[in-house]
Protein backbone atom coordinates (compact mmCIF):
# COMPACT_ATOMS: atom_id res chain seq x y z
CA MET A 1 57.79 60.83 262.00
CA ASN A 2 57.68 57.81 259.71
CA ASP A 3 59.81 58.44 256.61
CA HIS A 4 58.51 55.46 254.61
CA LYS A 5 57.13 56.28 251.19
CA ILE A 6 53.60 55.21 250.29
CA TRP A 7 52.97 54.76 246.58
CA LEU A 8 49.50 55.95 245.62
CA TYR A 9 47.66 54.09 242.89
CA ASP A 10 44.46 55.72 241.69
CA THR A 11 41.82 53.62 239.95
CA THR A 12 39.04 56.22 239.70
CA LEU A 13 39.04 55.96 235.90
CA ARG A 14 38.49 52.20 235.91
CA ASP A 15 37.23 50.79 239.21
CA GLY A 16 35.67 54.09 240.29
CA ALA A 17 33.82 54.42 236.99
CA GLN A 18 32.06 51.12 237.75
CA ARG A 19 29.95 52.91 240.38
CA GLU A 20 26.27 52.89 239.53
CA GLY A 21 25.35 56.30 238.09
CA ILE A 22 28.81 57.24 236.79
CA SER A 23 29.48 57.39 233.05
CA LEU A 24 32.71 59.08 232.00
CA SER A 25 33.30 60.50 228.55
CA LEU A 26 36.77 60.50 226.99
CA ALA A 27 37.11 64.19 227.83
CA ASP A 28 36.08 63.46 231.44
CA LYS A 29 38.73 60.77 231.79
CA LEU A 30 41.45 63.00 230.38
CA LYS A 31 40.51 65.89 232.71
CA ILE A 32 40.57 63.63 235.76
CA ALA A 33 43.88 62.02 234.75
CA ARG A 34 45.55 65.41 234.38
CA LYS A 35 44.23 66.62 237.75
CA LEU A 36 45.55 63.48 239.45
CA ASP A 37 48.87 63.95 237.68
CA ASP A 38 49.01 67.56 238.83
CA MET A 39 48.36 66.42 242.41
CA GLY A 40 51.37 64.11 242.31
CA ILE A 41 49.66 60.69 242.18
CA PRO A 42 52.41 58.33 240.90
CA PHE A 43 50.20 55.59 239.38
CA ILE A 44 46.95 56.26 237.50
CA GLU A 45 45.02 53.28 236.16
CA GLY A 46 43.45 54.35 232.88
CA GLY A 47 41.24 51.41 232.00
CA TRP A 48 41.27 48.16 230.04
CA PRO A 49 42.65 48.76 226.51
CA GLY A 50 40.61 46.85 223.98
CA ALA A 51 37.55 46.54 226.24
CA ASN A 52 35.89 49.51 224.52
CA PRO A 53 36.84 52.17 221.93
CA LYS A 54 36.87 54.93 224.55
CA ASP A 55 39.67 53.31 226.55
CA VAL A 56 41.70 52.70 223.39
CA GLN A 57 41.33 56.38 222.49
CA PHE A 58 42.24 57.42 226.05
CA PHE A 59 45.63 55.69 225.94
CA TRP A 60 46.25 57.01 222.43
CA GLU A 61 45.55 60.59 223.57
CA LEU A 62 48.02 60.26 226.43
CA LYS A 63 50.67 58.95 224.06
CA GLU A 64 50.23 62.15 222.04
CA GLN A 65 50.17 64.42 225.11
CA PRO A 66 51.81 62.56 228.03
CA LEU A 67 51.24 63.29 231.69
CA LYS A 68 53.82 65.33 233.58
CA GLN A 69 54.96 62.80 236.20
CA ALA A 70 52.43 60.02 236.71
CA ASN A 71 52.71 56.50 235.32
CA ILE A 72 49.58 55.71 233.34
CA VAL A 73 48.71 52.03 233.87
CA ALA A 74 46.83 49.63 231.59
CA PHE A 75 44.66 46.98 233.23
CA CYS A 76 43.85 43.44 232.09
CA SER A 77 43.31 39.87 233.28
CA THR A 78 45.70 36.95 232.93
CA ARG A 79 45.69 35.06 229.63
CA ARG A 80 42.82 32.75 228.85
CA PRO A 81 43.04 29.07 229.90
CA ASN A 82 44.91 26.73 227.59
CA GLN A 83 46.20 29.49 225.33
CA SER A 84 49.64 31.04 225.03
CA ALA A 85 50.09 34.57 226.34
CA GLU A 86 51.70 35.61 223.07
CA ALA A 87 48.61 34.59 221.09
CA ASP A 88 46.04 36.11 223.43
CA PRO A 89 44.37 39.15 221.72
CA MET A 90 43.70 40.77 225.11
CA LEU A 91 47.42 41.04 225.76
CA LYS A 92 48.06 42.37 222.26
CA ALA A 93 45.72 45.26 223.05
CA ILE A 94 47.61 45.86 226.30
CA LEU A 95 50.93 46.08 224.46
CA ALA A 96 49.37 48.39 221.86
CA ALA A 97 48.49 50.85 224.65
CA ASN A 98 52.25 51.32 225.02
CA THR A 99 52.29 51.90 228.79
CA HIS A 100 55.41 51.15 230.78
CA TRP A 101 53.32 49.73 233.65
CA VAL A 102 50.59 47.08 233.36
CA THR A 103 48.33 45.74 236.10
CA ILE A 104 47.28 42.11 235.67
CA PHE A 105 44.69 40.49 237.92
CA GLY A 106 44.53 36.77 238.54
CA LYS A 107 42.53 34.34 240.60
CA SER A 108 43.55 33.64 244.21
CA TRP A 109 40.44 31.76 245.31
CA ASP A 110 40.22 28.15 244.18
CA LEU A 111 36.42 28.51 244.01
CA HIS A 112 36.80 31.14 241.27
CA VAL A 113 39.29 28.98 239.37
CA THR A 114 37.06 25.92 239.19
CA GLU A 115 33.65 27.61 239.05
CA GLY A 116 34.47 30.88 237.26
CA LEU A 117 37.31 30.02 234.89
CA LYS A 118 36.27 26.38 234.58
CA THR A 119 39.89 25.27 234.57
CA SER A 120 42.35 23.42 236.80
CA LEU A 121 44.24 24.89 239.73
CA ASP A 122 47.56 24.15 238.01
CA GLU A 123 46.46 25.87 234.80
CA ASN A 124 45.54 29.00 236.77
CA LEU A 125 49.07 29.08 238.25
CA ALA A 126 50.49 28.77 234.74
CA MET A 127 48.22 31.56 233.49
CA ILE A 128 49.54 33.92 236.15
CA GLU A 129 53.22 33.15 235.58
CA ASP A 130 53.00 33.02 231.76
CA THR A 131 51.13 36.33 231.46
CA ILE A 132 53.51 38.26 233.68
CA SER A 133 56.59 36.63 232.15
CA TYR A 134 55.41 37.49 228.62
CA LEU A 135 54.72 41.12 229.46
CA ARG A 136 58.13 41.38 231.15
CA SER A 137 59.74 39.98 227.99
CA GLN A 138 58.05 42.83 226.08
CA GLY A 139 59.62 45.45 228.33
CA ARG A 140 56.67 46.04 230.66
CA GLN A 141 56.73 46.38 234.42
CA VAL A 142 53.89 44.42 236.05
CA ILE A 143 51.70 45.01 239.08
CA TYR A 144 49.91 41.81 240.05
CA ASP A 145 46.47 42.25 241.62
CA ALA A 146 45.61 39.10 243.57
CA GLU A 147 41.84 39.13 243.12
CA HIS A 148 39.71 37.87 246.04
CA TRP A 149 42.96 37.39 247.93
CA PHE A 150 41.64 37.38 251.50
CA ASP A 151 38.67 35.12 250.76
CA GLY A 152 40.93 32.78 248.84
CA TYR A 153 43.52 32.70 251.60
CA LYS A 154 40.93 31.99 254.28
CA ASN A 155 39.45 29.17 252.18
CA ASN A 156 42.69 27.54 250.94
CA PRO A 157 45.84 29.27 252.23
CA GLU A 158 48.25 26.83 250.62
CA TYR A 159 46.85 27.41 247.12
CA ALA A 160 46.54 31.16 247.57
CA LEU A 161 50.23 31.32 248.46
CA LYS A 162 51.09 29.37 245.29
CA THR A 163 49.36 32.05 243.17
CA LEU A 164 51.63 34.71 244.67
CA GLN A 165 54.68 32.53 244.12
CA SER A 166 53.68 32.17 240.45
CA ALA A 167 53.47 35.96 240.16
CA ILE A 168 56.92 36.29 241.72
CA LYS A 169 58.36 33.70 239.30
CA GLY A 170 56.85 35.60 236.40
CA GLY A 171 58.63 38.79 237.48
CA ALA A 172 55.92 40.94 239.09
CA LYS A 173 57.22 44.13 240.70
CA TRP A 174 54.22 44.53 243.01
CA LEU A 175 51.93 42.01 244.70
CA VAL A 176 48.62 43.62 245.58
CA PHE A 177 46.23 41.97 248.04
CA CYS A 178 42.64 42.61 246.90
CA ASP A 179 39.67 42.43 249.22
CA THR A 180 37.42 42.22 246.18
CA ASN A 181 34.18 41.43 248.01
CA GLY A 182 34.90 44.00 250.74
CA GLY A 183 33.98 41.58 253.53
CA THR A 184 37.27 41.41 255.45
CA LEU A 185 37.74 43.34 258.70
CA PRO A 186 40.86 45.23 259.84
CA HIS A 187 42.05 42.66 262.39
CA GLU A 188 41.91 39.96 259.69
CA ILE A 189 43.81 42.16 257.25
CA SER A 190 46.60 42.71 259.80
CA GLN A 191 46.88 39.02 260.64
CA ILE A 192 46.86 37.76 257.06
CA VAL A 193 49.29 40.34 255.67
CA SER A 194 51.68 39.66 258.54
CA GLU A 195 51.47 35.91 257.91
CA ILE A 196 52.15 36.30 254.20
CA VAL A 197 55.25 38.44 254.73
CA GLY A 198 56.59 35.70 257.00
CA LYS A 199 55.57 32.72 254.85
CA LEU A 200 56.98 34.19 251.64
CA ASP A 201 60.12 35.30 253.53
CA LEU A 202 59.88 38.75 251.94
CA ASN A 203 62.55 41.26 252.87
CA LEU A 204 60.53 44.39 252.23
CA ASP A 205 63.68 46.55 252.30
CA ASP A 206 65.31 44.61 249.43
CA PRO A 207 64.84 46.58 246.16
CA ASP A 208 64.87 43.33 244.13
CA ILE A 209 62.01 41.78 246.07
CA PRO A 210 58.42 42.52 244.94
CA LYS A 211 56.74 45.15 247.05
CA LEU A 212 53.28 44.76 248.55
CA GLY A 213 50.08 46.66 247.85
CA ILE A 214 46.48 46.71 249.06
CA HIS A 215 43.19 47.13 247.20
CA THR A 216 40.12 47.28 249.44
CA HIS A 217 36.39 47.63 248.82
CA ASN A 218 33.96 49.21 251.26
CA ASP A 219 31.15 46.66 251.51
CA SER A 220 31.72 46.37 255.27
CA GLY A 221 32.42 50.09 255.69
CA THR A 222 36.06 49.37 256.57
CA ALA A 223 37.95 49.94 253.30
CA VAL A 224 40.00 52.84 254.68
CA ALA A 225 40.66 51.09 258.00
CA ASN A 226 41.68 47.91 256.14
CA ALA A 227 44.14 49.83 253.97
CA ILE A 228 45.68 51.53 257.03
CA ALA A 229 45.96 48.18 258.81
CA SER A 230 47.88 46.74 255.86
CA VAL A 231 50.27 49.70 255.76
CA LEU A 232 51.10 49.13 259.42
CA GLU A 233 52.11 45.58 258.43
CA GLY A 234 54.51 46.75 255.70
CA VAL A 235 52.36 47.37 252.60
CA THR A 236 53.66 50.34 250.60
CA MET A 237 51.19 50.70 247.70
CA ILE A 238 47.64 51.93 248.32
CA GLN A 239 45.06 51.43 245.59
CA GLY A 240 41.90 53.52 245.87
CA THR A 241 39.69 56.12 244.24
CA ILE A 242 38.89 59.78 244.69
CA ASN A 243 35.82 60.18 246.93
CA GLY A 244 35.68 56.39 247.33
CA TYR A 245 33.84 55.87 244.04
CA GLY A 246 33.51 52.26 242.99
CA GLU A 247 31.21 49.34 242.35
CA ARG A 248 28.58 48.45 244.97
CA CYS A 249 29.64 50.33 248.13
CA GLY A 250 32.80 51.79 246.63
CA ASN A 251 36.55 51.54 247.02
CA ALA A 252 38.98 52.83 249.63
CA ASN A 253 38.64 56.61 249.62
CA LEU A 254 41.99 58.23 248.85
CA CYS A 255 40.68 61.57 250.12
CA THR A 256 40.44 59.99 253.58
CA LEU A 257 43.41 57.66 253.33
CA ILE A 258 46.03 60.18 252.20
CA PRO A 259 45.65 62.68 255.07
CA ASN A 260 45.35 59.90 257.64
CA LEU A 261 48.55 58.25 256.44
CA GLN A 262 50.50 61.48 255.96
CA LEU A 263 49.24 63.81 258.68
CA LYS A 264 48.38 61.27 261.38
CA LEU A 265 50.85 58.42 260.83
CA GLY A 266 53.75 60.32 259.24
CA TYR A 267 54.03 58.37 255.99
CA LYS A 268 55.09 60.29 252.87
CA CYS A 269 52.29 60.23 250.26
CA LEU A 270 52.42 63.67 248.60
CA GLU A 271 54.41 66.85 248.85
CA ALA A 272 52.85 69.38 251.24
CA GLU A 273 51.88 71.68 248.35
CA GLU A 274 50.27 68.77 246.48
CA LEU A 275 48.31 67.78 249.58
CA THR A 276 46.58 71.19 249.59
CA LYS A 277 45.03 70.25 246.22
CA LEU A 278 43.13 67.33 247.75
CA THR A 279 39.93 69.19 248.63
CA PRO A 280 39.63 71.18 245.38
CA ASN A 281 40.28 68.06 243.31
CA SER A 282 37.79 66.01 245.32
CA ARG A 283 35.07 68.56 244.58
CA LEU A 284 36.09 69.15 240.99
CA ILE A 285 36.06 65.42 240.20
CA SER A 286 32.63 65.10 241.81
CA GLU A 287 31.45 67.79 239.39
CA ILE A 288 33.02 65.98 236.43
CA VAL A 289 31.31 62.68 237.30
CA ASN A 290 28.07 64.63 237.90
CA LEU A 291 27.57 63.58 241.52
CA ALA A 292 26.91 66.02 244.34
CA PRO A 293 29.92 66.35 246.66
CA ASP A 294 29.50 64.74 250.07
CA ASP A 295 29.46 67.77 252.36
CA HIS A 296 30.06 65.55 255.40
CA ALA A 297 33.02 63.62 253.97
CA PRO A 298 36.03 63.46 256.32
CA PHE A 299 38.76 66.01 255.58
CA VAL A 300 37.41 67.31 252.22
CA GLY A 301 33.71 67.88 252.97
CA ARG A 302 32.37 71.43 253.31
CA SER A 303 31.16 70.51 256.81
CA ALA A 304 34.41 68.82 257.88
CA PHE A 305 35.56 72.02 259.62
CA ALA A 306 32.18 73.72 260.07
CA HIS A 307 31.24 75.09 263.49
CA LYS A 308 27.64 75.79 264.41
CA GLY A 309 27.19 75.97 268.18
CA GLY A 310 28.05 79.31 269.75
CA ILE A 311 30.34 77.74 272.38
CA HIS A 312 32.26 75.87 269.66
CA VAL A 313 32.64 79.01 267.56
CA SER A 314 33.97 81.14 270.40
CA ALA A 315 36.41 78.36 271.41
CA VAL A 316 37.68 77.88 267.85
CA ALA A 317 38.18 81.63 267.54
CA ARG A 318 40.55 81.46 270.52
CA ASN A 319 42.30 78.24 269.54
CA PRO A 320 41.26 76.04 266.56
CA LEU A 321 42.71 72.95 268.25
CA THR A 322 39.74 72.94 270.61
CA TYR A 323 37.45 71.51 267.90
CA GLU A 324 39.70 70.69 264.90
CA HIS A 325 41.94 67.65 264.63
CA ILE A 326 44.12 69.10 261.83
CA GLU A 327 44.59 72.44 260.12
CA PRO A 328 41.98 72.51 257.32
CA GLU A 329 44.33 74.46 255.05
CA SER A 330 46.79 71.54 255.01
CA ILE A 331 44.42 69.58 252.76
CA GLY A 332 42.99 72.57 250.90
CA ASN A 333 39.83 72.91 252.99
CA GLU A 334 38.75 75.81 255.18
CA ARG A 335 37.09 76.59 258.45
CA ARG A 336 33.42 77.58 258.14
CA ILE A 337 31.22 79.28 260.68
CA VAL A 338 27.66 78.03 260.24
CA ILE A 339 24.85 80.52 260.69
CA SER A 340 21.53 79.27 262.14
CA ASP A 341 19.00 79.95 264.88
CA GLN A 342 21.52 78.43 267.28
CA ALA A 343 24.01 81.19 266.47
CA GLY A 344 25.35 83.69 268.94
CA LEU A 345 27.19 86.97 268.41
CA SER A 346 30.44 85.00 268.04
CA ASN A 347 28.99 83.22 264.98
CA ILE A 348 27.98 86.51 263.35
CA ILE A 349 31.37 88.12 264.05
CA ALA A 350 33.32 85.08 262.82
CA LYS A 351 31.16 84.58 259.74
CA ALA A 352 31.33 88.28 258.81
CA LYS A 353 35.11 88.07 258.99
CA THR A 354 35.11 85.40 256.27
CA PHE A 355 33.27 87.92 254.09
CA GLY A 356 35.94 90.54 254.77
CA ILE A 357 33.80 92.42 257.32
CA GLU A 358 35.17 93.22 260.79
CA PHE A 359 32.65 93.60 263.62
CA ASP A 360 33.19 94.65 267.18
CA LYS A 361 31.13 92.60 269.66
CA ASN A 362 29.65 95.84 270.99
CA ASP A 363 28.52 97.03 267.55
CA PRO A 364 24.71 97.31 267.73
CA THR A 365 24.46 96.36 264.03
CA CYS A 366 25.85 92.94 264.90
CA ARG A 367 23.07 92.30 267.40
CA GLU A 368 20.46 93.61 264.94
CA ILE A 369 21.69 91.10 262.36
CA LEU A 370 21.52 88.29 264.93
CA LEU A 371 17.94 89.17 265.86
CA LYS A 372 16.91 89.40 262.20
CA LEU A 373 18.58 86.06 261.50
CA LYS A 374 16.69 84.33 264.30
CA ALA A 375 13.41 85.93 263.21
CA LEU A 376 13.84 84.78 259.61
CA GLU A 377 14.86 81.27 260.65
CA SER A 378 11.71 81.08 262.79
CA GLU A 379 9.76 81.80 259.58
CA GLY A 380 11.45 78.88 257.84
CA TYR A 381 14.59 80.35 256.27
CA GLN A 382 17.71 78.23 256.60
CA PHE A 383 20.93 80.21 256.24
CA GLU A 384 23.05 77.29 257.41
CA ALA A 385 22.55 75.80 253.95
CA ALA A 386 22.35 79.13 252.09
CA GLU A 387 25.42 81.17 252.93
CA ALA A 388 25.10 83.30 249.80
CA SER A 389 21.70 84.57 250.98
CA PHE A 390 23.16 85.26 254.42
CA GLU A 391 25.98 87.36 252.97
CA LEU A 392 23.44 89.40 250.99
CA LEU A 393 21.43 89.85 254.20
CA LEU A 394 24.54 90.94 256.05
CA ARG A 395 25.52 93.48 253.42
CA GLU A 396 22.02 94.85 253.24
CA ALA A 397 22.13 95.56 257.00
CA LEU A 398 25.41 97.43 256.43
CA ASN A 399 24.04 99.34 253.40
CA GLN A 400 26.59 97.56 251.20
CA ARG A 401 24.13 95.71 248.96
CA LYS A 402 24.06 97.26 245.51
CA GLU A 403 20.84 97.16 243.53
CA LEU A 404 21.92 95.51 240.30
CA PHE A 405 18.37 95.18 238.95
CA GLY A 406 14.78 95.48 240.09
CA ILE A 407 11.85 93.13 239.47
CA LYS A 408 8.57 94.95 238.78
CA GLY A 409 6.58 91.76 238.42
CA PHE A 410 6.30 88.38 236.74
CA GLN A 411 3.69 85.92 235.54
CA VAL A 412 4.03 82.20 235.03
CA HIS A 413 1.60 80.05 233.03
CA SER A 414 1.88 76.28 233.10
CA ASP A 415 0.00 73.84 230.88
CA ILE A 416 -0.08 70.10 231.34
CA THR A 417 -1.05 67.98 228.36
CA ILE A 418 -1.75 64.32 228.91
CA ASP A 419 -0.64 62.38 225.87
CA GLY A 420 -1.56 58.80 226.55
CA LYS A 421 -0.17 57.92 229.99
CA THR A 422 2.66 60.47 229.95
CA PRO A 423 1.81 64.05 231.05
CA TYR A 424 3.72 66.80 229.23
CA THR A 425 4.38 70.08 231.05
CA HIS A 426 4.94 73.32 229.21
CA ALA A 427 5.52 76.61 231.05
CA LEU A 428 5.72 80.23 229.89
CA ALA A 429 7.10 83.03 232.08
CA THR A 430 6.86 86.79 231.54
CA VAL A 431 9.06 89.06 233.63
CA LYS A 432 9.40 92.84 233.85
CA VAL A 433 12.74 94.15 235.14
CA ILE A 434 14.50 97.52 235.49
CA VAL A 435 18.24 97.76 234.85
CA ALA A 436 20.08 101.10 234.74
CA GLU A 437 16.73 102.93 234.49
CA GLU A 438 15.78 100.83 231.46
CA GLU A 439 12.58 98.82 231.70
CA LEU A 440 12.55 95.44 229.99
CA LEU A 441 9.80 92.91 229.33
CA GLU A 442 10.93 89.39 228.44
CA VAL A 443 9.25 86.05 227.84
CA ALA A 444 10.78 82.56 228.00
CA GLU A 445 9.63 78.96 227.91
CA GLY A 446 10.71 76.10 230.14
CA ASN A 447 9.83 72.54 231.02
CA GLY A 448 8.35 73.82 234.28
CA PRO A 449 7.43 77.13 235.95
CA VAL A 450 10.73 77.58 237.80
CA SER A 451 12.74 76.77 234.68
CA ALA A 452 10.69 79.25 232.62
CA LEU A 453 11.08 81.99 235.24
CA ASP A 454 14.83 81.39 235.48
CA GLN A 455 15.19 81.54 231.68
CA ALA A 456 13.14 84.75 231.40
CA LEU A 457 15.24 86.51 234.05
CA ARG A 458 18.50 85.48 232.41
CA LYS A 459 17.22 86.60 229.00
CA ALA A 460 16.34 90.02 230.38
CA LEU A 461 19.60 90.55 232.27
CA VAL A 462 22.30 88.91 230.15
CA LYS A 463 22.99 91.90 227.91
CA PHE A 464 23.77 93.98 231.00
CA TYR A 465 25.58 91.20 232.84
CA PRO A 466 27.12 88.84 230.21
CA GLU A 467 28.55 86.55 232.93
CA ILE A 468 25.01 85.27 233.52
CA ALA A 469 25.41 83.16 230.38
CA GLN A 470 27.79 80.94 232.38
CA PHE A 471 25.39 80.44 235.30
CA HIS A 472 23.42 77.23 235.70
CA LEU A 473 21.36 75.63 238.44
CA THR A 474 23.12 72.61 239.93
CA ASP A 475 20.61 71.64 242.61
CA TYR A 476 17.01 72.44 243.55
CA LYS A 477 15.55 71.33 246.88
CA VAL A 478 12.00 71.84 248.12
CA ARG A 479 10.95 71.29 251.73
CA ILE A 480 7.41 71.54 253.09
CA LEU A 481 7.76 73.16 256.53
CA ASP A 482 4.29 72.65 258.02
CA GLY A 483 2.66 69.77 256.19
CA THR A 484 -0.40 69.73 258.44
CA LYS A 485 -1.66 72.82 256.58
CA GLY A 486 -1.95 70.89 253.34
CA THR A 487 -1.68 72.94 250.17
CA SER A 488 -1.42 76.14 252.25
CA ALA A 489 1.80 74.93 253.88
CA LYS A 490 4.87 77.10 253.92
CA THR A 491 7.58 75.95 251.52
CA ARG A 492 11.37 76.43 251.65
CA VAL A 493 13.33 76.31 248.41
CA LEU A 494 17.12 75.97 248.30
CA ILE A 495 18.81 76.59 244.95
CA GLU A 496 22.46 75.85 244.28
CA SER A 497 23.98 77.75 241.36
CA SER A 498 27.33 77.57 239.64
CA ASN A 499 29.37 79.57 237.15
CA GLY A 500 31.52 76.54 236.31
CA GLU A 501 34.14 77.53 238.87
CA GLN A 502 32.25 78.23 242.10
CA ARG A 503 29.03 77.11 243.74
CA TRP A 504 26.70 79.11 245.95
CA THR A 505 23.32 78.46 247.56
CA THR A 506 20.37 80.79 248.09
CA VAL A 507 17.05 80.34 249.88
CA GLY A 508 13.42 81.45 249.51
CA VAL A 509 10.42 80.84 251.76
CA SER A 510 6.74 81.35 251.00
CA THR A 511 3.35 79.64 251.10
CA ASN A 512 3.60 79.78 247.28
CA ILE A 513 6.27 77.51 245.84
CA ILE A 514 6.69 79.76 242.79
CA ASP A 515 7.29 82.79 245.02
CA ALA A 516 9.81 80.86 247.16
CA SER A 517 11.61 79.71 244.02
CA TYR A 518 11.56 83.26 242.64
CA GLN A 519 13.29 84.59 245.78
CA ALA A 520 16.05 81.96 245.58
CA VAL A 521 16.53 82.33 241.81
CA VAL A 522 16.81 86.14 241.97
CA GLU A 523 19.29 86.08 244.85
CA GLY A 524 21.28 83.38 243.09
CA ILE A 525 21.66 85.54 239.98
CA GLU A 526 22.49 88.63 242.06
CA TYR A 527 25.11 86.81 244.11
CA GLY A 528 26.70 85.24 241.02
CA ILE A 529 27.12 88.66 239.40
CA LEU A 530 28.76 90.09 242.53
CA LEU A 531 30.96 87.02 242.92
CA GLY A 532 32.18 87.21 239.33
CA ARG A 533 33.01 90.89 239.70
CA ALA A 534 34.94 90.30 242.94
CA GLU A 535 32.60 92.64 244.78
CA ILE A 536 32.17 90.04 247.50
CA ASN A 537 34.64 87.72 249.18
CA SER A 538 34.76 84.38 247.36
CA SER A 539 36.98 82.60 249.93
CA ASN A 540 34.05 80.45 251.09
CA PHE A 541 33.62 78.85 247.70
CA LEU A 542 35.60 76.46 245.59
CA ALA A 543 37.68 78.54 243.18
CA LYS A 544 39.63 76.68 240.54
CA SER A 545 43.18 77.55 239.63
CA GLU A 546 44.10 78.88 236.20
CA GLU A 547 45.18 75.38 235.25
CA THR A 548 41.85 73.93 236.34
CA ARG A 549 39.99 76.58 234.40
CA ARG A 550 41.98 75.69 231.31
CA LEU A 551 41.21 71.99 231.68
CA GLY A 552 37.54 72.73 232.29
CA ASP A 553 37.16 74.76 229.10
């Protein structure tokens, strides 16, 4: 085992937030920072103080209620050309943030100095040294991000080295090599980092010598591989983001990097207990930034340890090593048995076990369920993507499905008004339900027929099941199964629901899209009620800890 410590530096709140489609509120940033802190990340980059009021408020909030263990880091550029660091208003805002650590980025590529900054190469060197020296004189520790380092080194190695020497003279504690354009490949990273360690004569074991870091972007799809290559050459700080969020194609994904470094290469990134929080935090942060989790992401994806083929399932049941490269529990994930028309009895038995149901392979009910599953999938149902519907199907076959409510009928009216060039849709749904022998008739409006139907059902049921008030639809997918039949084609609807803590998916199939949606909506409400009352096994779903619930409130 490799005992070397890797220092994790998370920049989700700054670099990650530059991803197209992400917009973080102050509350979002604070929630994410506290989750990263709880997971044991030692450095959390909070943003650029002074760049916008939200970042100023963020640092102020953390001064009032500090993190438990993490260093919150302010981010800024070097001073402006031909101006003293002391007089630069950008650096005054950095000092006002009152963080012990500051990350300063400077230009490594001579092209950026002359074309971007419109200044001389010597002035750029002075800007780097002066900025770091001034911040050190004010009691700050400095991480120097060498922007466009690899491009700059390949274009003019002599000058690029001088920029690092200026950072060392200024008193930087870390020198971070940035592949800002994301165009460098792993073999180049290894070669260049190795050369720099030799040319600068850095004794990486000397505590008084600046340590090395890496900051990679994923434009070539190699950000994680590049970061690993640099670690193998002696780099000990990894900068990245949760889920690889970042500008353009993203940053190095810490959710992939951390387990590779710790579980595969033996470096120490997090405590074992902290590592188990990786998957829940990956999914929670995806919810906060309002992006669907990547189910096929390495390590933390829902499909990362999913087994579908019957031969795979039976082999994993005997020995998980046959089709799993690590124990999923080590990073907070879990093994999933996928149910589909390719399933065998081993899939049904294994999947039922995750629901707390034990089957014997000779139990005739098990074979009946398998036959029903295959028949429904031939009609267009897809239980692989709708495990909540499958559990309800399973419990119905075992006479364990309680009737929480009954639907006697519903009507949906939809009007489309064309106002100028923009059509306006207005829908009205009427639903008749029976709950505890009481018959109810409710009406609700929505911006579409499915929305109106969903609202009417909730309105009718919420007084009996108050937890419904917390339910909301998080995804709605429609698939035409036999398009050659035109408007008579069969339609499959998948609806993902959430109660703020867990997510579950249900399915409906019909030649009428409203009927298919109705099936999925009703099962989604039913499953959510059972899940909240612990009447079904929730181990297949993301359940937040008490601390996470508190932060989410």
